């Protein structure tokens, strides 16, 4: 079982961030709640295994403003850890 730890992020275009190292216990609502403190969110998605429906340990956040994503990507974050 994956343990909670530091969340890894990679910056992308148009306010979209890759969020890696997500605990298997973290859901999309929790991800959205955490990152909404930084700015408005268009979408929060945790990728899941198609066969099992289990979280794969990574996802994406899309901020309304790309500048917000750039600021968030500069920091390390810990969610549910």
PDB file of N, CA and C in Angstrom:
ATOM      1  N   UNK A   1       0.839  -1.175   0.000  1.00  0.00           N
ATOM      2  CA  UNK A   1       0.000   0.000   0.000  1.00  0.00           C
ATOM      3  C   UNK A   1       0.887   1.241   0.000  1.00  0.00           C
ATOM      4  N   UNK A   2       0.521   2.202  -0.765  1.00  0.00           N
ATOM      5  CA  UNK A   2       1.272   3.448  -0.861  1.00  0.00           C
ATOM      6  C   UNK A   2       1.033   4.285   0.388  1.00  0.00           C
ATOM      7  N   UNK A   3       2.100   4.861   0.910  1.00  0.00           N
ATOM      8  CA  UNK A   3       1.966   5.697   2.092  1.00  0.00           C
ATOM      9  C   UNK A   3       1.921   7.155   1.700  1.00  0.00           C
ATOM     10  N   UNK A   4       1.267   7.986   2.516  1.00  0.00           N
ATOM     11  CA  UNK A   4       1.226   9.416   2.214  1.00  0.00           C
ATOM     12  C   UNK A   4       2.630   9.985   2.192  1.00  0.00           C
ATOM     13  N   UNK A   5       2.843  10.940   1.337  1.00  0.00           N
ATOM     14  CA  UNK A   5       4.156  11.550   1.247  1.00  0.00           C
ATOM     15  C   UNK A   5       4.080  12.865   0.539  1.00  0.00           C
ATOM     16  N   UNK A   6       5.228  13.348   0.159  1.00  0.00           N
ATOM     17  CA  UNK A   6       5.271  14.620  -0.537  1.00  0.00           C
ATOM     18  C   UNK A   6       4.661  14.474  -1.917  1.00  0.00           C
ATOM     19  N   UNK A   7       3.942  15.488  -2.322  1.00  0.00           N
ATOM     20  CA  UNK A   7       3.311  15.511  -3.626  1.00  0.00           C
ATOM     21  C   UNK A   7       4.268  16.169  -4.607  1.00  0.00           C
ATOM     22  N   UNK A   8       4.472  15.537  -5.743  1.00  0.00           N
ATOM     23  CA  UNK A   8       5.365  16.065  -6.766  1.00  0.00           C
ATOM     24  C   UNK A   8       4.540  16.695  -7.867  1.00  0.00           C
ATOM     25  N   UNK A   9       5.026  17.828  -8.383  1.00  0.00           N
ATOM     26  CA  UNK A   9       4.283  18.525  -9.423  1.00  0.00           C
ATOM     27  C   UNK A   9       5.194  18.905 -10.572  1.00  0.00           C
ATOM     28  N   UNK A  10       4.628  18.897 -11.752  1.00  0.00           N
ATOM     29  CA  UNK A  10       5.313  19.388 -12.938  1.00  0.00           C
ATOM     30  C   UNK A  10       4.433  20.449 -13.563  1.00  0.00           C
ATOM     31  N   UNK A  11       5.056  21.537 -13.955  1.00  0.00           N
ATOM     32  CA  UNK A  11       4.321  22.649 -14.537  1.00  0.00           C
ATOM     33  C   UNK A  11       3.945  22.329 -15.982  1.00  0.00           C
ATOM     34  N   UNK A  12       2.815  22.835 -16.402  1.00  0.00           N
ATOM     35  CA  UNK A  12       2.356  22.656 -17.771  1.00  0.00           C
ATOM     36  C   UNK A  12       1.672  23.932 -18.232  1.00  0.00           C
ATOM     37  N   UNK A  13       1.205  23.937 -19.482  1.00  0.00           N
ATOM     38  CA  UNK A  13       0.543  25.104 -20.048  1.00  0.00           C
ATOM     39  C   UNK A  13      -0.894  25.215 -19.558  1.00  0.00           C
ATOM     40  N   UNK A  14      -1.422  26.408 -19.670  1.00  0.00           N
ATOM     41  CA  UNK A  14      -2.841  26.684 -19.450  1.00  0.00           C
ATOM     42  C   UNK A  14      -3.336  26.360 -18.047  1.00  0.00           C
ATOM     43  N   UNK A  15      -2.488  26.528 -17.059  1.00  0.00           N
ATOM     44  CA  UNK A  15      -2.915  26.350 -15.678  1.00  0.00           C
ATOM     45  C   UNK A  15      -3.032  24.917 -15.215  1.00  0.00           C
ATOM     46  N   UNK A  16      -2.558  23.966 -16.009  1.00  0.00           N
ATOM     47  CA  UNK A  16      -2.682  22.552 -15.658  1.00  0.00           C
ATOM     48  C   UNK A  16      -1.394  22.057 -15.009  1.00  0.00           C
ATOM     49  N   UNK A  17      -1.540  21.394 -13.858  1.00  0.00           N
ATOM     50  CA  UNK A  17      -0.402  20.833 -13.150  1.00  0.00           C
ATOM     51  C   UNK A  17      -0.565  19.331 -12.994  1.00  0.00           C
ATOM     52  N   UNK A  18       0.529  18.616 -13.218  1.00  0.00           N
ATOM     53  CA  UNK A  18       0.596  17.195 -12.898  1.00  0.00           C
ATOM     54  C   UNK A  18       0.873  17.097 -11.405  1.00  0.00           C
ATOM     55  N   UNK A  19       0.099  16.276 -10.709  1.00  0.00           N
ATOM     56  CA  UNK A  19       0.282  16.078  -9.277  1.00  0.00           C
ATOM     57  C   UNK A  19       0.638  14.613  -9.065  1.00  0.00           C
ATOM     58  N   UNK A  20       1.853  14.345  -8.645  1.00  0.00           N
ATOM     59  CA  UNK A  20       2.311  12.972  -8.440  1.00  0.00           C
ATOM     60  C   UNK A  20       2.510  12.674  -6.964  1.00  0.00           C
ATOM     61  N   UNK A  21       2.642  11.407  -6.648  1.00  0.00           N
ATOM     62  CA  UNK A  21       2.872  11.000  -5.269  1.00  0.00           C
ATOM     63  C   UNK A  21       1.664  11.153  -4.371  1.00  0.00           C
ATOM     64  N   UNK A  22       0.481  11.088  -4.960  1.00  0.00           N
ATOM     65  CA  UNK A  22      -0.759  11.232  -4.191  1.00  0.00           C
ATOM     66  C   UNK A  22      -1.036   9.934  -3.428  1.00  0.00           C
ATOM     67  N   UNK A  23      -1.407  10.078  -2.165  1.00  0.00           N
ATOM     68  CA  UNK A  23      -1.796   8.920  -1.365  1.00  0.00           C
ATOM     69  C   UNK A  23      -3.006   8.239  -2.009  1.00  0.00           C
ATOM     70  N   UNK A  24      -3.063   6.931  -1.912  1.00  0.00           N
ATOM     71  CA  UNK A  24      -4.213   6.207  -2.458  1.00  0.00           C
ATOM     72  C   UNK A  24      -5.487   6.553  -1.707  1.00  0.00           C
ATOM     73  N   UNK A  25      -5.360   7.129  -0.529  1.00  0.00           N
ATOM     74  CA  UNK A  25      -6.526   7.511   0.268  1.00  0.00           C
ATOM     75  C   UNK A  25      -7.075   8.888  -0.098  1.00  0.00           C
ATOM     76  N   UNK A  26      -6.329   9.654  -0.889  1.00  0.00           N
ATOM     77  CA  UNK A  26      -6.764  10.997  -1.279  1.00  0.00           C
ATOM     78  C   UNK A  26      -7.754  10.902  -2.432  1.00  0.00           C
ATOM     79  N   UNK A  27      -8.878  11.593  -2.306  1.00  0.00           N
ATOM     80  CA  UNK A  27      -9.862  11.595  -3.392  1.00  0.00           C
ATOM     81  C   UNK A  27      -9.857  12.953  -4.098  1.00  0.00           C
ATOM     82  N   UNK A  28     -10.621  13.060  -5.168  1.00  0.00           N
ATOM     83  CA  UNK A  28     -10.643  14.293  -5.963  1.00  0.00           C
ATOM     84  C   UNK A  28     -11.163  15.479  -5.156  1.00  0.00           C
ATOM     85  N   UNK A  29     -12.125  15.240  -4.286  1.00  0.00           N
ATOM     86  CA  UNK A  29     -12.658  16.321  -3.457  1.00  0.00           C
ATOM     87  C   UNK A  29     -11.574  16.878  -2.536  1.00  0.00           C
ATOM     88  N   UNK A  30     -10.806  16.007  -1.926  1.00  0.00           N
ATOM     89  CA  UNK A  30      -9.718  16.432  -1.032  1.00  0.00           C
ATOM     90  C   UNK A  30      -8.644  17.188  -1.818  1.00  0.00           C
ATOM     91  N   UNK A  31      -8.323  16.701  -3.011  1.00  0.00           N
ATOM     92  CA  UNK A  31      -7.340  17.363  -3.871  1.00  0.00           C
ATOM     93  C   UNK A  31      -7.813  18.770  -4.228  1.00  0.00           C
ATOM     94  N   UNK A  32      -9.070  18.873  -4.615  1.00  0.00           N
ATOM     95  CA  UNK A  32      -9.658  20.177  -4.961  1.00  0.00           C
ATOM     96  C   UNK A  32      -9.665  21.103  -3.738  1.00  0.00           C
ATOM     97  N   UNK A  33     -10.072  20.585  -2.594  1.00  0.00           N
ATOM     98  CA  UNK A  33     -10.112  21.395  -1.374  1.00  0.00           C
ATOM     99  C   UNK A  33      -8.733  21.953  -1.037  1.00  0.00           C
ATOM    100  N   UNK A  34      -7.721  21.111  -1.127  1.00  0.00           N
ATOM    101  CA  UNK A  34      -6.365  21.544  -0.788  1.00  0.00           C
ATOM    102  C   UNK A  34      -5.896  22.659  -1.721  1.00  0.00           C
ATOM    103  N   UNK A  35      -5.998  22.445  -3.024  1.00  0.00           N
ATOM    104  CA  UNK A  35      -5.448  23.406  -3.978  1.00  0.00           C
ATOM    105  C   UNK A  35      -6.338  24.631  -4.189  1.00  0.00           C
ATOM    106  N   UNK A  36      -7.595  24.573  -3.795  1.00  0.00           N
ATOM    107  CA  UNK A  36      -8.472  25.734  -3.960  1.00  0.00           C
ATOM    108  C   UNK A  36      -8.057  26.887  -3.052  1.00  0.00           C
ATOM    109  N   UNK A  37      -7.256  26.607  -2.043  1.00  0.00           N
ATOM    110  CA  UNK A  37      -6.763  27.692  -1.187  1.00  0.00           C
ATOM    111  C   UNK A  37      -5.776  28.595  -1.930  1.00  0.00           C
ATOM    112  N   UNK A  38      -5.266  28.129  -3.073  1.00  0.00           N
ATOM    113  CA  UNK A  38      -4.317  28.911  -3.869  1.00  0.00           C
ATOM    114  C   UNK A  38      -4.993  29.702  -4.986  1.00  0.00           C
ATOM    115  N   UNK A  39      -6.181  29.273  -5.401  1.00  0.00           N
ATOM    116  CA  UNK A  39      -6.888  29.965  -6.471  1.00  0.00           C
ATOM    117  C   UNK A  39      -8.038  29.128  -6.999  1.00  0.00           C
ATOM    118  N   UNK A  40      -8.774  29.701  -7.944  1.00  0.00           N
ATOM    119  CA  UNK A  40      -9.938  29.020  -8.522  1.00  0.00           C
ATOM    120  C   UNK A  40      -9.498  27.829  -9.366  1.00  0.00           C
ATOM    121  N   UNK A  41     -10.214  26.726  -9.195  1.00  0.00           N
ATOM    122  CA  UNK A  41      -9.887  25.483  -9.895  1.00  0.00           C
ATOM    123  C   UNK A  41     -10.974  25.153 -10.903  1.00  0.00           C
ATOM    124  N   UNK A  42     -10.542  24.821 -12.112  1.00  0.00           N
ATOM    125  CA  UNK A  42     -11.452  24.403 -13.172  1.00  0.00           C
ATOM    126  C   UNK A  42     -11.723  22.906 -13.055  1.00  0.00           C
ATOM    127  N   UNK A  43     -10.665  22.136 -12.746  1.00  0.00           N
ATOM    128  CA  UNK A  43     -10.804  20.679 -12.718  1.00  0.00           C
ATOM    129  C   UNK A  43      -9.780  20.070 -11.768  1.00  0.00           C
ATOM    130  N   UNK A  44     -10.189  19.019 -11.076  1.00  0.00           N
ATOM    131  CA  UNK A  44      -9.300  18.225 -10.229  1.00  0.00           C
ATOM    132  C   UNK A  44      -9.587  16.763 -10.538  1.00  0.00           C
ATOM    133  N   UNK A  45      -8.569  16.042 -10.998  1.00  0.00           N
ATOM    134  CA  UNK A  45      -8.764  14.654 -11.414  1.00  0.00           C
ATOM    135  C   UNK A  45      -7.666  13.778 -10.818  1.00  0.00           C
ATOM    136  N   UNK A  46      -8.058  12.657 -10.247  1.00  0.00           N
ATOM    137  CA  UNK A  46      -7.105  11.629  -9.833  1.00  0.00           C
ATOM    138  C   UNK A  46      -7.277  10.476 -10.807  1.00  0.00           C
ATOM    139  N   UNK A  47      -6.184  10.073 -11.418  1.00  0.00           N
ATOM    140  CA  UNK A  47      -6.246   9.003 -12.412  1.00  0.00           C
ATOM    141  C   UNK A  47      -6.439   7.662 -11.707  1.00  0.00           C
ATOM    142  N   UNK A  48      -7.303   6.829 -12.299  1.00  0.00           N
ATOM    143  CA  UNK A  48      -7.642   5.540 -11.703  1.00  0.00           C
ATOM    144  C   UNK A  48      -7.386   4.406 -12.683  1.00  0.00           C
ATOM    145  N   UNK A  49      -7.084   3.250 -12.139  1.00  0.00           N
ATOM    146  CA  UNK A  49      -6.908   2.044 -12.937  1.00  0.00           C
ATOM    147  C   UNK A  49      -8.267   1.657 -13.507  1.00  0.00           C
ATOM    148  N   UNK A  50      -8.329   1.447 -14.801  1.00  0.00           N
ATOM    149  CA  UNK A  50      -9.614   1.126 -15.445  1.00  0.00           C
ATOM    150  C   UNK A  50     -10.185  -0.203 -14.979  1.00  0.00           C
ATOM    151  N   UNK A  51      -9.321  -1.170 -14.717  1.00  0.00           N
ATOM    152  CA  UNK A  51      -9.790  -2.498 -14.332  1.00  0.00           C
ATOM    153  C   UNK A  51     -10.272  -2.549 -12.880  1.00  0.00           C
ATOM    154  N   UNK A  52      -9.535  -1.887 -11.988  1.00  0.00           N
ATOM    155  CA  UNK A  52      -9.856  -2.000 -10.562  1.00  0.00           C
ATOM    156  C   UNK A  52     -10.570  -0.777  -9.990  1.00  0.00           C
ATOM    157  N   UNK A  53     -10.452   0.360 -10.668  1.00  0.00           N
ATOM    158  CA  UNK A  53     -11.031   1.595 -10.162  1.00  0.00           C
ATOM    159  C   UNK A  53     -10.203   2.233  -9.059  1.00  0.00           C
ATOM    160  N   UNK A  54      -9.073   1.634  -8.756  1.00  0.00           N
ATOM    161  CA  UNK A  54      -8.195   2.125  -7.690  1.00  0.00           C
ATOM    162  C   UNK A  54      -7.337   3.288  -8.191  1.00  0.00           C
ATOM    163  N   UNK A  55      -7.093   4.255  -7.311  1.00  0.00           N
ATOM    164  CA  UNK A  55      -6.257   5.408  -7.658  1.00  0.00           C
ATOM    165  C   UNK A  55      -4.863   4.939  -8.054  1.00  0.00           C
ATOM    166  N   UNK A  56      -4.281   5.631  -9.044  1.00  0.00           N
ATOM    167  CA  UNK A  56      -2.958   5.266  -9.546  1.00  0.00           C
ATOM    168  C   UNK A  56      -1.837   6.099  -8.919  1.00  0.00           C
ATOM    169  N   UNK A  57      -2.179   7.010  -8.015  1.00  0.00           N
ATOM    170  CA  UNK A  57      -1.157   7.777  -7.311  1.00  0.00           C
ATOM    171  C   UNK A  57      -0.756   9.083  -7.969  1.00  0.00           C
ATOM    172  N   UNK A  58      -1.503   9.492  -8.991  1.00  0.00           N
ATOM    173  CA  UNK A  58      -1.237  10.787  -9.615  1.00  0.00           C
ATOM    174  C   UNK A  58      -2.514  11.360 -10.186  1.00  0.00           C
ATOM    175  N   UNK A  59      -2.465  12.644 -10.486  1.00  0.00           N
ATOM    176  CA  UNK A  59      -3.632  13.309 -11.048  1.00  0.00           C
ATOM    177  C   UNK A  59      -3.255  14.655 -11.621  1.00  0.00           C
ATOM    178  N   UNK A  60      -4.259  15.477 -11.853  1.00  0.00           N
ATOM    179  CA  UNK A  60      -4.056  16.787 -12.454  1.00  0.00           C
ATOM    180  C   UNK A  60      -4.969  17.807 -11.787  1.00  0.00           C
ATOM    181  N   UNK A  61      -4.471  19.021 -11.688  1.00  0.00           N
ATOM    182  CA  UNK A  61      -5.251  20.172 -11.236  1.00  0.00           C
ATOM    183  C   UNK A  61      -5.182  21.190 -12.358  1.00  0.00           C
ATOM    184  N   UNK A  62      -6.322  21.789 -12.697  1.00  0.00           N
ATOM    185  CA  UNK A  62      -6.337  22.869 -13.684  1.00  0.00           C
ATOM    186  C   UNK A  62      -6.854  24.116 -12.981  1.00  0.00           C
ATOM    187  N   UNK A  63      -5.990  25.124 -12.912  1.00  0.00           N
ATOM    188  CA  UNK A  63      -6.367  26.407 -12.321  1.00  0.00           C
ATOM    189  C   UNK A  63      -6.956  27.312 -13.391  1.00  0.00           C
ATOM    190  N   UNK A  64      -7.842  28.197 -12.981  1.00  0.00           N
ATOM    191  CA  UNK A  64      -8.441  29.163 -13.896  1.00  0.00           C
ATOM    192  C   UNK A  64      -7.368  30.036 -14.534  1.00  0.00           C
ATOM    193  N   UNK A  65      -6.392  30.437 -13.730  1.00  0.00           N
ATOM    194  CA  UNK A  65      -5.340  31.328 -14.218  1.00  0.00           C
ATOM    195  C   UNK A  65      -3.995  30.607 -14.237  1.00  0.00           C
ATOM    196  N   UNK A  66      -3.335  30.554 -15.391  1.00  0.00           N
ATOM    197  CA  UNK A  66      -2.028  29.895 -15.483  1.00  0.00           C
ATOM    198  C   UNK A  66      -1.002  30.434 -14.482  1.00  0.00           C
ATOM    199  N   UNK A  67      -1.072  31.711 -14.160  1.00  0.00           N
ATOM    200  CA  UNK A  67      -0.122  32.289 -13.200  1.00  0.00           C
ATOM    201  C   UNK A  67      -0.243  31.622 -11.830  1.00  0.00           C
ATOM    202  N   UNK A  68      -1.443  31.232 -11.455  1.00  0.00           N
ATOM    203  CA  UNK A  68      -1.645  30.539 -10.178  1.00  0.00           C
ATOM    204  C   UNK A  68      -0.918  29.207 -10.191  1.00  0.00           C
ATOM    205  N   UNK A  69      -1.029  28.478 -11.292  1.00  0.00           N
ATOM    206  CA  UNK A  69      -0.345  27.188 -11.419  1.00  0.00           C
ATOM    207  C   UNK A  69       1.165  27.369 -11.305  1.00  0.00           C
ATOM    208  N   UNK A  70       1.693  28.424 -11.894  1.00  0.00           N
ATOM    209  CA  UNK A  70       3.131  28.681 -11.832  1.00  0.00           C
ATOM    210  C   UNK A  70       3.581  28.917 -10.394  1.00  0.00           C
ATOM    211  N   UNK A  71       2.796  29.664  -9.640  1.00  0.00           N
ATOM    212  CA  UNK A  71       3.134  29.944  -8.239  1.00  0.00           C
ATOM    213  C   UNK A  71       3.065  28.665  -7.409  1.00  0.00           C
ATOM    214  N   UNK A  72       2.011  27.890  -7.593  1.00  0.00           N
ATOM    215  CA  UNK A  72       1.823  26.649  -6.836  1.00  0.00           C
ATOM    216  C   UNK A  72       2.943  25.657  -7.139  1.00  0.00           C
ATOM    217  N   UNK A  73       3.386  25.593  -8.386  1.00  0.00           N
ATOM    218  CA  UNK A  73       4.423  24.646  -8.795  1.00  0.00           C
ATOM    219  C   UNK A  73       5.780  24.951  -8.158  1.00  0.00           C
ATOM    220  N   UNK A  74       5.965  26.155  -7.676  1.00  0.00           N
ATOM    221  CA  UNK A  74       7.246  26.541  -7.085  1.00  0.00           C
ATOM    222  C   UNK A  74       7.414  26.017  -5.657  1.00  0.00           C
ATOM    223  N   UNK A  75       6.343  25.543  -5.052  1.00  0.00           N
ATOM    224  CA  UNK A  75       6.376  25.064  -3.666  1.00  0.00           C
ATOM    225  C   UNK A  75       6.221  23.544  -3.608  1.00  0.00           C
ATOM    226  N   UNK A  76       6.689  22.947  -2.512  1.00  0.00           N
ATOM    227  CA  UNK A  76       6.423  21.535  -2.248  1.00  0.00           C
ATOM    228  C   UNK A  76       5.144  21.468  -1.420  1.00  0.00           C
ATOM    229  N   UNK A  77       4.345  20.452  -1.667  1.00  0.00           N
ATOM    230  CA  UNK A  77       3.061  20.319  -0.984  1.00  0.00           C
ATOM    231  C   UNK A  77       2.924  18.920  -0.400  1.00  0.00           C
ATOM    232  N   UNK A  78       2.218  18.831   0.721  1.00  0.00           N
ATOM    233  CA  UNK A  78       1.925  17.541   1.320  1.00  0.00           C
ATOM    234  C   UNK A  78       0.420  17.473   1.581  1.00  0.00           C
ATOM    235  N   UNK A  79      -0.209  16.457   1.008  1.00  0.00           N
ATOM    236  CA  UNK A  79      -1.650  16.274   1.144  1.00  0.00           C
ATOM    237  C   UNK A  79      -1.893  14.943   1.847  1.00  0.00           C
ATOM    238  N   UNK A  80      -2.717  14.970   2.866  1.00  0.00           N
ATOM    239  CA  UNK A  80      -3.044  13.757   3.623  1.00  0.00           C
ATOM    240  C   UNK A  80      -1.794  13.034   4.103  1.00  0.00           C
ATOM    241  N   UNK A  81      -0.788  13.781   4.498  1.00  0.00           N
ATOM    242  CA  UNK A  81       0.441  13.143   4.958  1.00  0.00           C
ATOM    243  C   UNK A  81       0.931  13.807   6.132  1.00  0.00           C
TER     244      UNK A  81
END
